[in-house]
C-alpha atoms as a PDB file:
ATOM      1  CA  MET A   1     -16.497 -46.710 -45.176  1.00  0.00           C
ATOM      2  CA  LYS A   2     -13.947 -49.171 -45.963  1.00  0.00           C
ATOM      3  CA  THR A   3     -15.335 -52.658 -45.549  1.00  0.00           C
ATOM      4  CA  LEU A   4     -14.096 -54.404 -42.404  1.00  0.00           C
ATOM      5  CA  PRO A   5     -12.141 -57.955 -42.884  1.00  0.00           C
ATOM      6  CA  ILE A   6     -14.783 -59.347 -39.969  1.00  0.00           C
ATOM      7  CA  CYS A   7     -14.889 -62.784 -41.290  1.00  0.00           C
ATOM      8  CA  LYS A   8     -10.782 -63.069 -41.519  1.00  0.00           C
ATOM      9  CA  SER A   9     -10.807 -61.676 -37.808  1.00  0.00           C
ATOM     10  CA  PHE A  10     -13.171 -64.267 -36.502  1.00  0.00           C
ATOM     11  CA  LYS A  11     -10.368 -66.596 -35.141  1.00  0.00           C
ATOM     12  CA  TRP A  12      -9.009 -63.633 -33.204  1.00  0.00           C
ATOM     13  CA  ALA A  13     -12.252 -62.215 -32.224  1.00  0.00           C
ATOM     14  CA  VAL A  14     -13.607 -65.486 -30.542  1.00  0.00           C
ATOM     15  CA  ILE A  15     -10.616 -65.491 -28.025  1.00  0.00           C
ATOM     16  CA  PRO A  16     -11.433 -62.650 -25.646  1.00  0.00           C
ATOM     17  CA  THR A  17     -14.684 -64.130 -24.713  1.00  0.00           C
ATOM     18  CA  THR A  18     -14.042 -67.559 -24.883  1.00  0.00           C
ATOM     19  CA  LEU A  19     -11.153 -66.875 -22.404  1.00  0.00           C
ATOM     20  CA  ILE A  20     -13.652 -65.097 -20.292  1.00  0.00           C
ATOM     21  CA  ILE A  21     -16.195 -67.965 -20.243  1.00  0.00           C
ATOM     22  CA  LEU A  22     -13.487 -70.571 -19.589  1.00  0.00           C
ATOM     23  CA  ALA A  23     -12.432 -68.592 -16.514  1.00  0.00           C
ATOM     24  CA  GLY A  24     -15.759 -68.266 -15.284  1.00  0.00           C
ATOM     25  CA  ILE A  25     -16.349 -72.278 -15.796  1.00  0.00           C
ATOM     26  CA  LEU A  26     -13.216 -72.642 -13.737  1.00  0.00           C
ATOM     27  CA  CYS A  27     -14.563 -70.145 -11.056  1.00  0.00           C
ATOM     28  CA  VAL A  28     -17.912 -72.092 -10.842  1.00  0.00           C
ATOM     29  CA  CYS A  29     -15.967 -75.265 -10.538  1.00  0.00           C
ATOM     30  CA  ILE A  30     -14.101 -74.278  -7.636  1.00  0.00           C
ATOM     31  CA  SER A  31     -16.463 -72.022  -5.591  1.00  0.00           C
ATOM     32  CA  GLY A  32     -19.786 -72.306  -7.423  1.00  0.00           C
ATOM     33  CA  PHE A  33     -22.275 -69.281  -7.746  1.00  0.00           C
ATOM     34  CA  ASN A  34     -22.990 -66.700  -5.225  1.00  0.00           C
ATOM     35  CA  LEU A  35     -26.539 -67.700  -4.978  1.00  0.00           C
ATOM     36  CA  GLY A  36     -28.947 -65.078  -3.377  1.00  0.00           C
ATOM     37  CA  ILE A  37     -32.201 -65.986  -1.152  1.00  0.00           C
ATOM     38  CA  ASP A  38     -34.107 -66.385  -4.649  1.00  0.00           C
ATOM     39  CA  PHE A  39     -32.173 -69.529  -5.215  1.00  0.00           C
ATOM     40  CA  SER A  40     -30.781 -70.864  -2.142  1.00  0.00           C
ATOM     41  CA  GLY A  41     -33.480 -70.245   0.303  1.00  0.00           C
ATOM     42  CA  GLY A  42     -33.782 -67.713   3.246  1.00  0.00           C
ATOM     43  CA  THR A  43     -35.868 -65.407   5.433  1.00  0.00           C
ATOM     44  CA  ILE A  44     -37.378 -62.110   4.221  1.00  0.00           C
ATOM     45  CA  TYR A  45     -38.621 -59.452   6.871  1.00  0.00           C
ATOM     46  CA  ASN A  46     -40.994 -56.607   6.005  1.00  0.00           C
ATOM     47  CA  VAL A  47     -40.587 -54.459   8.909  1.00  0.00           C
ATOM     48  CA  ASP A  48     -41.410 -50.528  10.024  1.00  0.00           C
ATOM     49  CA  MET A  49     -38.427 -48.998  12.090  1.00  0.00           C
ATOM     50  CA  GLY A  50     -40.976 -46.285  13.346  1.00  0.00           C
ATOM     51  CA  GLU A  51     -38.210 -43.587  12.368  1.00  0.00           C
ATOM     52  CA  GLU A  52     -35.422 -42.845   9.947  1.00  0.00           C
ATOM     53  CA  PHE A  53     -32.897 -45.474   9.702  1.00  0.00           C
ATOM     54  CA  SER A  54     -29.515 -46.261   8.115  1.00  0.00           C
ATOM     55  CA  ALA A  55     -29.359 -49.347   5.983  1.00  0.00           C
ATOM     56  CA  ALA A  56     -25.807 -49.956   6.837  1.00  0.00           C
ATOM     57  CA  ASP A  57     -26.640 -49.870  10.692  1.00  0.00           C
ATOM     58  CA  VAL A  58     -29.600 -52.368  10.174  1.00  0.00           C
ATOM     59  CA  GLU A  59     -27.289 -54.792   8.265  1.00  0.00           C
ATOM     60  CA  ALA A  60     -24.559 -54.737  10.874  1.00  0.00           C
ATOM     61  CA  ILE A  61     -27.511 -55.621  13.493  1.00  0.00           C
ATOM     62  CA  VAL A  62     -28.689 -58.549  11.110  1.00  0.00           C
ATOM     63  CA  ARG A  63     -24.903 -59.837  10.783  1.00  0.00           C
ATOM     64  CA  GLU A  64     -24.203 -59.754  14.290  1.00  0.00           C
ATOM     65  CA  ASN A  65     -27.680 -61.628  15.322  1.00  0.00           C
ATOM     66  CA  ILE A  66     -27.804 -64.063  12.452  1.00  0.00           C
ATOM     67  CA  GLN A  67     -24.111 -64.485  11.807  1.00  0.00           C
ATOM     68  CA  ALA A  68     -24.484 -64.722   8.132  1.00  0.00           C
ATOM     69  CA  SER A  69     -21.943 -63.423   5.621  1.00  0.00           C
ATOM     70  CA  THR A  70     -22.050 -59.995   4.069  1.00  0.00           C
ATOM     71  CA  SER A  71     -23.228 -61.167   0.636  1.00  0.00           C
ATOM     72  CA  ASP A  72     -26.076 -63.129   2.297  1.00  0.00           C
ATOM     73  CA  ILE A  73     -27.823 -59.973   3.949  1.00  0.00           C
ATOM     74  CA  ARG A  74     -29.717 -57.210   2.036  1.00  0.00           C
ATOM     75  CA  VAL A  75     -31.445 -54.296   3.498  1.00  0.00           C
ATOM     76  CA  ALA A  76     -33.734 -51.987   1.338  1.00  0.00           C
ATOM     77  CA  THR A  77     -35.845 -49.135   1.902  1.00  0.00           C
ATOM     78  CA  SER A  78     -39.293 -50.094   0.985  1.00  0.00           C
ATOM     79  CA  GLU A  79     -41.521 -47.011   1.661  1.00  0.00           C
ATOM     80  CA  GLY A  80     -40.909 -44.013   4.423  1.00  0.00           C
ATOM     81  CA  THR A  81     -39.623 -45.858   7.483  1.00  0.00           C
ATOM     82  CA  GLN A  82     -40.192 -49.223   6.169  1.00  0.00           C
ATOM     83  CA  ALA A  83     -37.707 -51.738   4.839  1.00  0.00           C
ATOM     84  CA  VAL A  84     -37.097 -55.328   3.588  1.00  0.00           C
ATOM     85  CA  ILE A  85     -34.486 -57.413   5.266  1.00  0.00           C
ATOM     86  CA  GLN A  86     -33.434 -60.289   3.265  1.00  0.00           C
ATOM     87  CA  PHE A  87     -30.650 -62.862   4.677  1.00  0.00           C
ATOM     88  CA  GLN A  88     -29.979 -66.671   4.602  1.00  0.00           C
ATOM     89  CA  ASP A  89     -30.161 -68.572   7.892  1.00  0.00           C
ATOM     90  CA  ALA A  90     -26.869 -69.458   9.331  1.00  0.00           C
ATOM     91  CA  SER A  91     -28.266 -72.720  10.601  1.00  0.00           C
ATOM     92  CA  ALA A  92     -30.700 -75.043   8.959  1.00  0.00           C
ATOM     93  CA  ASP A  93     -32.071 -76.389  12.339  1.00  0.00           C
ATOM     94  CA  PRO A  94     -35.483 -74.687  12.780  1.00  0.00           C
ATOM     95  CA  GLU A  95     -35.090 -74.149  16.552  1.00  0.00           C
ATOM     96  CA  GLU A  96     -31.858 -72.259  16.158  1.00  0.00           C
ATOM     97  CA  GLN A  97     -33.434 -70.277  13.343  1.00  0.00           C
ATOM     98  CA  ASP A  98     -36.301 -69.207  15.433  1.00  0.00           C
ATOM     99  CA  ALA A  99     -33.704 -68.319  18.338  1.00  0.00           C
ATOM    100  CA  ALA A 100     -31.651 -66.233  15.953  1.00  0.00           C
ATOM    101  CA  ARG A 101     -34.673 -64.402  14.659  1.00  0.00           C
ATOM    102  CA  ALA A 102     -35.952 -63.698  18.182  1.00  0.00           C
ATOM    103  CA  ASN A 103     -32.464 -62.249  18.815  1.00  0.00           C
ATOM    104  CA  LEU A 104     -32.430 -60.251  15.939  1.00  0.00           C
ATOM    105  CA  GLU A 105     -36.119 -58.722  16.627  1.00  0.00           C
ATOM    106  CA  SER A 106     -34.927 -57.682  20.209  1.00  0.00           C
ATOM    107  CA  ALA A 107     -31.881 -56.064  19.072  1.00  0.00           C
ATOM    108  CA  LEU A 108     -33.575 -54.123  16.517  1.00  0.00           C
ATOM    109  CA  GLN A 109     -36.429 -53.254  18.756  1.00  0.00           C
ATOM    110  CA  GLU A 110     -33.728 -52.125  21.530  1.00  0.00           C
ATOM    111  CA  ARG A 111     -32.168 -50.034  18.674  1.00  0.00           C
ATOM    112  CA  TYR A 112     -34.988 -48.532  16.980  1.00  0.00           C
ATOM    113  CA  GLU A 113     -38.153 -48.152  19.751  1.00  0.00           C
ATOM    114  CA  ASN A 114     -40.980 -48.234  17.433  1.00  0.00           C
ATOM    115  CA  PHE A 115     -39.689 -51.119  15.650  1.00  0.00           C
ATOM    116  CA  GLU A 116     -42.363 -53.454  14.198  1.00  0.00           C
ATOM    117  CA  VAL A 117     -42.530 -56.505  12.247  1.00  0.00           C
ATOM    118  CA  ILE A 118     -45.253 -56.353   9.551  1.00  0.00           C
ATOM    119  CA  SER A 119     -44.419 -59.921   7.860  1.00  0.00           C
ATOM    120  CA  ILE A 120     -41.995 -62.693   7.789  1.00  0.00           C
ATOM    121  CA  ASP A 121     -41.500 -64.975   4.647  1.00  0.00           C
ATOM    122  CA  ARG A 122     -39.530 -68.301   4.580  1.00  0.00           C
ATOM    123  CA  GLN A 123     -38.384 -69.283   1.160  1.00  0.00           C
ATOM    124  CA  GLY A 124     -37.125 -73.018   1.537  1.00  0.00           C
ATOM    125  CA  ALA A 125     -34.869 -75.143  -0.864  1.00  0.00           C
ATOM    126  CA  VAL A 126     -38.147 -76.745  -2.841  1.00  0.00           C
ATOM    127  CA  ALA A 127     -39.424 -73.075  -3.860  1.00  0.00           C
ATOM    128  CA  SER A 128     -35.775 -72.240  -4.717  1.00  0.00           C
ATOM    129  CA  GLN A 129     -35.046 -75.471  -6.857  1.00  0.00           C
ATOM    130  CA  GLU A 130     -38.527 -74.526  -8.753  1.00  0.00           C
ATOM    131  CA  LEU A 131     -37.270 -71.004  -9.390  1.00  0.00           C
ATOM    132  CA  VAL A 132     -33.854 -72.488 -10.858  1.00  0.00           C
ATOM    133  CA  GLY A 133     -35.907 -74.832 -13.232  1.00  0.00           C
ATOM    134  CA  ASN A 134     -38.148 -71.979 -14.133  1.00  0.00           C
ATOM    135  CA  ALA A 135     -35.443 -69.767 -14.826  1.00  0.00           C
ATOM    136  CA  PHE A 136     -33.741 -72.250 -17.107  1.00  0.00           C
ATOM    137  CA  THR A 137     -36.984 -72.789 -18.869  1.00  0.00           C
ATOM    138  CA  SER A 138     -37.711 -69.296 -19.692  1.00  0.00           C
ATOM    139  CA  VAL A 139     -34.435 -69.179 -21.254  1.00  0.00           C
ATOM    140  CA  LEU A 140     -34.649 -72.056 -23.105  1.00  0.00           C
ATOM    141  CA  ILE A 141     -37.968 -71.249 -24.567  1.00  0.00           C
ATOM    142  CA  ALA A 142     -36.696 -67.768 -25.383  1.00  0.00           C
ATOM    143  CA  CYS A 143     -33.945 -69.202 -27.443  1.00  0.00           C
ATOM    144  CA  VAL A 144     -36.156 -71.514 -29.261  1.00  0.00           C
ATOM    145  CA  LEU A 145     -38.694 -69.090 -30.076  1.00  0.00           C
ATOM    146  CA  MET A 146     -35.979 -66.796 -31.414  1.00  0.00           C
ATOM    147  CA  LEU A 147     -34.378 -69.746 -33.532  1.00  0.00           C
ATOM    148  CA  ILE A 148     -37.717 -70.228 -35.054  1.00  0.00           C
ATOM    149  CA  TYR A 149     -38.660 -66.538 -35.569  1.00  0.00           C
ATOM    150  CA  ILE A 150     -35.145 -65.824 -37.487  1.00  0.00           C
ATOM    151  CA  SER A 151     -35.400 -69.170 -39.541  1.00  0.00           C
ATOM    152  CA  ILE A 152     -38.737 -68.292 -40.776  1.00  0.00           C
ATOM    153  CA  ARG A 153     -37.766 -64.583 -41.560  1.00  0.00           C
ATOM    154  CA  PHE A 154     -34.434 -65.273 -43.038  1.00  0.00           C
ATOM    155  CA  GLU A 155     -33.084 -68.973 -43.241  1.00  0.00           C
ATOM    156  CA  PHE A 156     -32.183 -71.866 -40.948  1.00  0.00           C
ATOM    157  CA  TRP A 157     -28.411 -71.002 -40.665  1.00  0.00           C
ATOM    158  CA  SER A 158     -28.714 -67.549 -39.946  1.00  0.00           C
ATOM    159  CA  GLY A 159     -31.128 -68.743 -37.199  1.00  0.00           C
ATOM    160  CA  ILE A 160     -28.447 -70.971 -35.938  1.00  0.00           C
ATOM    161  CA  ALA A 161     -25.728 -68.443 -36.056  1.00  0.00           C
ATOM    162  CA  ALA A 162     -27.978 -66.049 -33.950  1.00  0.00           C
ATOM    163  CA  LEU A 163     -28.494 -68.657 -31.499  1.00  0.00           C
ATOM    164  CA  VAL A 164     -24.995 -69.430 -31.152  1.00  0.00           C
ATOM    165  CA  ALA A 165     -24.592 -65.697 -30.603  1.00  0.00           C
ATOM    166  CA  LEU A 166     -27.237 -65.484 -27.787  1.00  0.00           C
ATOM    167  CA  VAL A 167     -25.566 -68.542 -26.321  1.00  0.00           C
ATOM    168  CA  HIS A 168     -22.453 -66.730 -26.189  1.00  0.00           C
ATOM    169  CA  ASP A 169     -23.801 -63.455 -24.586  1.00  0.00           C
ATOM    170  CA  VAL A 170     -25.592 -65.680 -21.797  1.00  0.00           C
ATOM    171  CA  LEU A 171     -22.428 -67.528 -21.163  1.00  0.00           C
ATOM    172  CA  VAL A 172     -20.356 -64.309 -20.740  1.00  0.00           C
ATOM    173  CA  MET A 173     -22.809 -62.766 -18.410  1.00  0.00           C
ATOM    174  CA  LEU A 174     -22.889 -65.977 -16.311  1.00  0.00           C
ATOM    175  CA  ALA A 175     -18.899 -65.906 -16.405  1.00  0.00           C
ATOM    176  CA  VAL A 176     -18.435 -62.479 -15.472  1.00  0.00           C
ATOM    177  CA  VAL A 177     -21.144 -62.621 -12.549  1.00  0.00           C
ATOM    178  CA  ALA A 178     -19.277 -65.725 -11.355  1.00  0.00           C
ATOM    179  CA  LEU A 179     -15.761 -64.005 -11.405  1.00  0.00           C
ATOM    180  CA  LEU A 180     -17.003 -60.739  -9.733  1.00  0.00           C
ATOM    181  CA  ARG A 181     -19.022 -63.034  -6.972  1.00  0.00           C
ATOM    182  CA  VAL A 182     -22.119 -61.201  -7.807  1.00  0.00           C
ATOM    183  CA  GLN A 183     -25.049 -62.324  -6.000  1.00  0.00           C
ATOM    184  CA  ILE A 184     -27.414 -64.313  -8.245  1.00  0.00           C
ATOM    185  CA  ASN A 185     -31.139 -63.689  -7.667  1.00  0.00           C
ATOM    186  CA  SER A 186     -34.367 -63.065 -10.044  1.00  0.00           C
ATOM    187  CA  SER A 187     -32.932 -59.932 -11.096  1.00  0.00           C
ATOM    188  CA  LEU A 188     -30.148 -61.893 -12.878  1.00  0.00           C
ATOM    189  CA  ILE A 189     -32.991 -63.825 -14.732  1.00  0.00           C
ATOM    190  CA  ALA A 190     -34.668 -60.712 -15.783  1.00  0.00           C
ATOM    191  CA  ALA A 191     -31.157 -59.289 -17.005  1.00  0.00           C
ATOM    192  CA  VAL A 192     -30.588 -62.423 -18.979  1.00  0.00           C
ATOM    193  CA  LEU A 193     -34.123 -62.157 -20.662  1.00  0.00           C
ATOM    194  CA  THR A 194     -33.498 -58.439 -21.535  1.00  0.00           C
ATOM    195  CA  ILE A 195     -30.206 -59.190 -23.162  1.00  0.00           C
ATOM    196  CA  VAL A 196     -31.667 -62.078 -25.106  1.00  0.00           C
ATOM    197  CA  GLY A 197     -34.139 -59.678 -26.800  1.00  0.00           C
ATOM    198  CA  TYR A 198     -31.453 -56.863 -26.942  1.00  0.00           C
ATOM    199  CA  SER A 199     -28.887 -58.863 -28.616  1.00  0.00           C
ATOM    200  CA  ILE A 200     -30.964 -60.363 -31.097  1.00  0.00           C
ATOM    201  CA  ASN A 201     -32.295 -57.257 -32.310  1.00  0.00           C
ATOM    202  CA  ASN A 202     -28.780 -56.276 -33.450  1.00  0.00           C
ATOM    203  CA  THR A 203     -28.354 -59.540 -35.069  1.00  0.00           C
ATOM    204  CA  ILE A 204     -31.599 -59.235 -37.016  1.00  0.00           C
ATOM    205  CA  VAL A 205     -30.501 -55.832 -38.377  1.00  0.00           C
ATOM    206  CA  ILE A 206     -27.374 -57.253 -39.520  1.00  0.00           C
ATOM    207  CA  PHE A 207     -28.958 -60.362 -41.141  1.00  0.00           C
ATOM    208  CA  ASP A 208     -31.466 -58.158 -42.768  1.00  0.00           C
ATOM    209  CA  ARG A 209     -28.542 -56.350 -44.579  1.00  0.00           C
ATOM    210  CA  VAL A 210     -26.997 -59.704 -45.484  1.00  0.00           C
ATOM    211  CA  ARG A 211     -30.125 -60.655 -47.091  1.00  0.00           C
ATOM    212  CA  ASP A 212     -30.354 -57.631 -49.144  1.00  0.00           C
ATOM    213  CA  ASN A 213     -26.865 -57.992 -50.239  1.00  0.00           C
ATOM    214  CA  MET A 214     -27.283 -61.697 -51.218  1.00  0.00           C
ATOM    215  CA  LYS A 215     -30.193 -60.663 -53.475  1.00  0.00           C
ATOM    216  CA  ASN A 216     -27.855 -58.338 -55.349  1.00  0.00           C
ATOM    217  CA  ARG A 217     -24.797 -60.206 -55.039  1.00  0.00           C
ATOM    218  CA  GLU A 218     -22.497 -59.866 -58.198  1.00  0.00           C
ATOM    219  CA  LYS A 219     -20.579 -62.822 -59.502  1.00  0.00           C
ATOM    220  CA  GLY A 220     -17.654 -63.541 -57.754  1.00  0.00           C
ATOM    221  CA  VAL A 221     -18.573 -62.203 -54.576  1.00  0.00           C
ATOM    222  CA  THR A 222     -18.490 -64.553 -51.717  1.00  0.00           C
ATOM    223  CA  ARG A 223     -20.631 -65.042 -48.831  1.00  0.00           C
ATOM    224  CA  ALA A 224     -17.539 -63.824 -46.599  1.00  0.00           C
ATOM    225  CA  ASP A 225     -17.710 -60.541 -48.614  1.00  0.00           C
ATOM    226  CA  VAL A 226     -21.455 -60.278 -48.224  1.00  0.00           C
ATOM    227  CA  ALA A 227     -21.155 -60.697 -44.239  1.00  0.00           C
ATOM    228  CA  ASP A 228     -18.267 -58.253 -44.185  1.00  0.00           C
ATOM    229  CA  ARG A 229     -20.304 -55.388 -45.942  1.00  0.00           C
ATOM    230  CA  ALA A 230     -23.478 -56.230 -44.146  1.00  0.00           C
ATOM    231  CA  VAL A 231     -21.416 -55.861 -40.866  1.00  0.00           C
ATOM    232  CA  THR A 232     -19.561 -52.524 -42.132  1.00  0.00           C
ATOM    233  CA  GLY A 233     -22.834 -51.162 -43.479  1.00  0.00           C
ATOM    234  CA  THR A 234     -24.723 -51.582 -40.022  1.00  0.00           C
ATOM    235  CA  LEU A 235     -21.440 -50.915 -37.657  1.00  0.00           C
ATOM    236  CA  LYS A 236     -22.334 -47.323 -36.772  1.00  0.00           C
ATOM    237  CA  ARG A 237     -25.876 -48.334 -35.882  1.00  0.00           C
ATOM    238  CA  SER A 238     -24.874 -51.088 -33.695  1.00  0.00           C
ATOM    239  CA  ILE A 239     -22.345 -49.017 -31.746  1.00  0.00           C
ATOM    240  CA  TYR A 240     -24.385 -45.863 -31.527  1.00  0.00           C
ATOM    241  CA  THR A 241     -27.366 -47.832 -30.156  1.00  0.00           C
ATOM    242  CA  THR A 242     -25.355 -49.760 -27.717  1.00  0.00           C
ATOM    243  CA  VAL A 243     -23.461 -46.785 -26.510  1.00  0.00           C
ATOM    244  CA  THR A 244     -26.464 -44.828 -25.519  1.00  0.00           C
ATOM    245  CA  THR A 245     -28.138 -47.810 -24.017  1.00  0.00           C
ATOM    246  CA  LEU A 246     -24.743 -48.294 -21.799  1.00  0.00           C
ATOM    247  CA  VAL A 247     -24.856 -44.633 -20.563  1.00  0.00           C
ATOM    248  CA  VAL A 248     -28.346 -44.941 -19.153  1.00  0.00           C
ATOM    249  CA  ILE A 249     -27.427 -48.378 -17.325  1.00  0.00           C
ATOM    250  CA  VAL A 250     -24.117 -47.286 -16.197  1.00  0.00           C
ATOM    251  CA  ILE A 251     -25.650 -44.322 -14.598  1.00  0.00           C
ATOM    252  CA  LEU A 252     -28.295 -46.515 -12.944  1.00  0.00           C
ATOM    253  CA  TYR A 253     -25.500 -48.590 -11.569  1.00  0.00           C
ATOM    254  CA  ILE A 254     -23.466 -45.802 -10.156  1.00  0.00           C
ATOM    255  CA  LEU A 255     -26.546 -43.895  -8.389  1.00  0.00           C
ATOM    256  CA  GLY A 256     -28.846 -47.139  -7.839  1.00  0.00           C
ATOM    257  CA  VAL A 257     -29.452 -48.987  -4.605  1.00  0.00           C
ATOM    258  CA  GLN A 258     -28.318 -52.554  -4.318  1.00  0.00           C
ATOM    259  CA  SER A 259     -31.177 -54.241  -6.039  1.00  0.00           C
ATOM    260  CA  ILE A 260     -30.585 -51.995  -9.251  1.00  0.00           C
ATOM    261  CA  LYS A 261     -27.049 -52.638  -9.175  1.00  0.00           C
ATOM    262  CA  ASP A 262     -27.749 -56.352  -9.041  1.00  0.00           C
ATOM    263  CA  PHE A 263     -29.783 -55.886 -12.253  1.00  0.00           C
ATOM    264  CA  SER A 264     -27.748 -53.205 -14.045  1.00  0.00           C
ATOM    265  CA  LEU A 265     -24.257 -54.724 -13.927  1.00  0.00           C
ATOM    266  CA  PRO A 266     -25.321 -58.201 -15.746  1.00  0.00           C
ATOM    267  CA  ILE A 267     -27.009 -55.850 -18.216  1.00  0.00           C
ATOM    268  CA  ILE A 268     -23.898 -53.766 -19.020  1.00  0.00           C
ATOM    269  CA  VAL A 269     -21.639 -56.959 -19.669  1.00  0.00           C
ATOM    270  CA  GLY A 270     -24.677 -58.406 -21.505  1.00  0.00           C
ATOM    271  CA  LEU A 271     -24.747 -55.148 -23.748  1.00  0.00           C
ATOM    272  CA  VAL A 272     -21.029 -55.253 -24.670  1.00  0.00           C
ATOM    273  CA  ALA A 273     -21.250 -59.050 -25.079  1.00  0.00           C
ATOM    274  CA  GLY A 274     -24.057 -58.621 -27.361  1.00  0.00           C
ATOM    275  CA  VAL A 275     -22.590 -55.995 -29.632  1.00  0.00           C
ATOM    276  CA  TRP A 276     -19.366 -58.005 -29.716  1.00  0.00           C
ATOM    277  CA  SER A 277     -21.292 -61.230 -30.816  1.00  0.00           C
ATOM    278  CA  SER A 278     -23.551 -59.517 -33.337  1.00  0.00           C
ATOM    279  CA  VAL A 279     -20.833 -57.574 -34.829  1.00  0.00           C
ATOM    280  CA  MET A 280     -17.681 -60.122 -34.574  1.00  0.00           C
ATOM    281  CA  LEU A 281     -19.288 -63.524 -34.344  1.00  0.00           C
ATOM    282  CA  ALA A 282     -22.564 -63.954 -35.793  1.00  0.00           C
ATOM    283  CA  THR A 283     -21.791 -63.404 -39.509  1.00  0.00           C
ATOM    284  CA  PRO A 284     -18.267 -65.391 -39.441  1.00  0.00           C
ATOM    285  CA  PHE A 285     -20.652 -68.189 -37.947  1.00  0.00           C
ATOM    286  CA  TRP A 286     -23.030 -67.941 -40.523  1.00  0.00           C
ATOM    287  CA  VAL A 287     -20.552 -68.350 -43.349  1.00  0.00           C
ATOM    288  CA  TRP A 288     -18.715 -71.097 -41.693  1.00  0.00           C
ATOM    289  CA  PHE A 289     -22.273 -73.111 -41.291  1.00  0.00           C
ATOM    290  CA  HIS A 290     -22.773 -72.520 -45.091  1.00  0.00           C
ATOM    291  CA  ARG A 291     -19.448 -73.738 -45.966  1.00  0.00           C
ATOM    292  CA  ARG A 292     -19.865 -76.888 -43.781  1.00  0.00           C
ATOM    293  CA  ALA A 293     -23.441 -77.515 -45.474  1.00  0.00           C
ATOM    294  CA  GLU A 294     -22.200 -76.903 -48.923  1.00  0.00           C
ATOM    295  CA  LEU A 295     -19.255 -79.050 -48.562  1.00  0.00           C
ATOM    296  CA  ALA A 296     -21.496 -81.827 -46.899  1.00  0.00           C
ATOM    297  CA  LYS A 297     -23.829 -81.799 -49.782  1.00  0.00           C
ATOM    298  CA  ALA A 298     -20.588 -81.832 -52.203  1.00  0.00           C
ATOM    299  CA  ASN A 299     -19.427 -85.049 -50.541  1.00  0.00           C
ATOM    300  CA  ARG A 300     -22.939 -86.660 -50.681  1.00  0.00           C
ATOM    301  CA  HIS A 301     -22.948 -85.820 -54.261  1.00  0.00           C
ATOM    302  CA  THR A 302     -19.417 -87.196 -55.069  1.00  0.00           C
ATOM    303  CA  GLY A 303     -20.431 -90.422 -53.097  1.00  0.00           C
ATOM    304  CA  LYS A 304     -23.467 -90.986 -55.456  1.00  0.00           C
ATOM    305  CA  LYS A 305     -21.421 -90.458 -58.580  1.00  0.00           C
ATOM    306  CA  LYS A 306     -18.835 -93.253 -57.297  1.00  0.00           C
END
């Protein structure tokens, strides 16, 4: 297979995802994220309908009595005739919330004669803020550990390049989530951590080939040439593994319930962003970081001679 000029194409390769990230940032600045109950707080009902039911019908009853927007309501089948109803309270006043819940229970009782409330959980703003903090911390710790691992296994600049690629993947995921108004909940955090692990695997395979090529580098062969050969040599492997994983995740998204869709859509975006960053961005960044380091070293050496 002919060696692909990956490093020369870097300036063009960085444009598409940069535009997506900028569009996502603009969307967040204008309308913010579509936060789910996990992050904004709300009420979670565990109920038994006592008979077969339609999630759409239950959602309509909830919307009518709670007066919440469509994105703030979720009805999921739990087991048999049981269901989990989640919604954000339309009012912050506790008395109004109690009245709305009483109306909801009455409406459900009227529609389903054997309706029974199993449990009610209320998640407040404090718990939501703590979850946001834990989510950010978990992603940060994962990235730092990845940097340490790659720096030890390969070299420091390989770790920095891989970290930049990881941050790129996470930003693309969040940008698409913001643009499509996908609800942000705990499933998104699981998706982010999954992609962090999956994407770094592709990058490590490429850097492993880079290390082998650097050991056997002939005179006159530049780092860019080494990087291009490494990416070209592992390209089929990167594409095949990503496509086979994508097939499964896309099927899950098409056939899965809403909670599965909330997890699988970010995964799909992350997989595409991950293979793009591993193939088109990671090694060019590695080459660029080395050039900057060598230039800085040469400037310091020149300064000492003067």
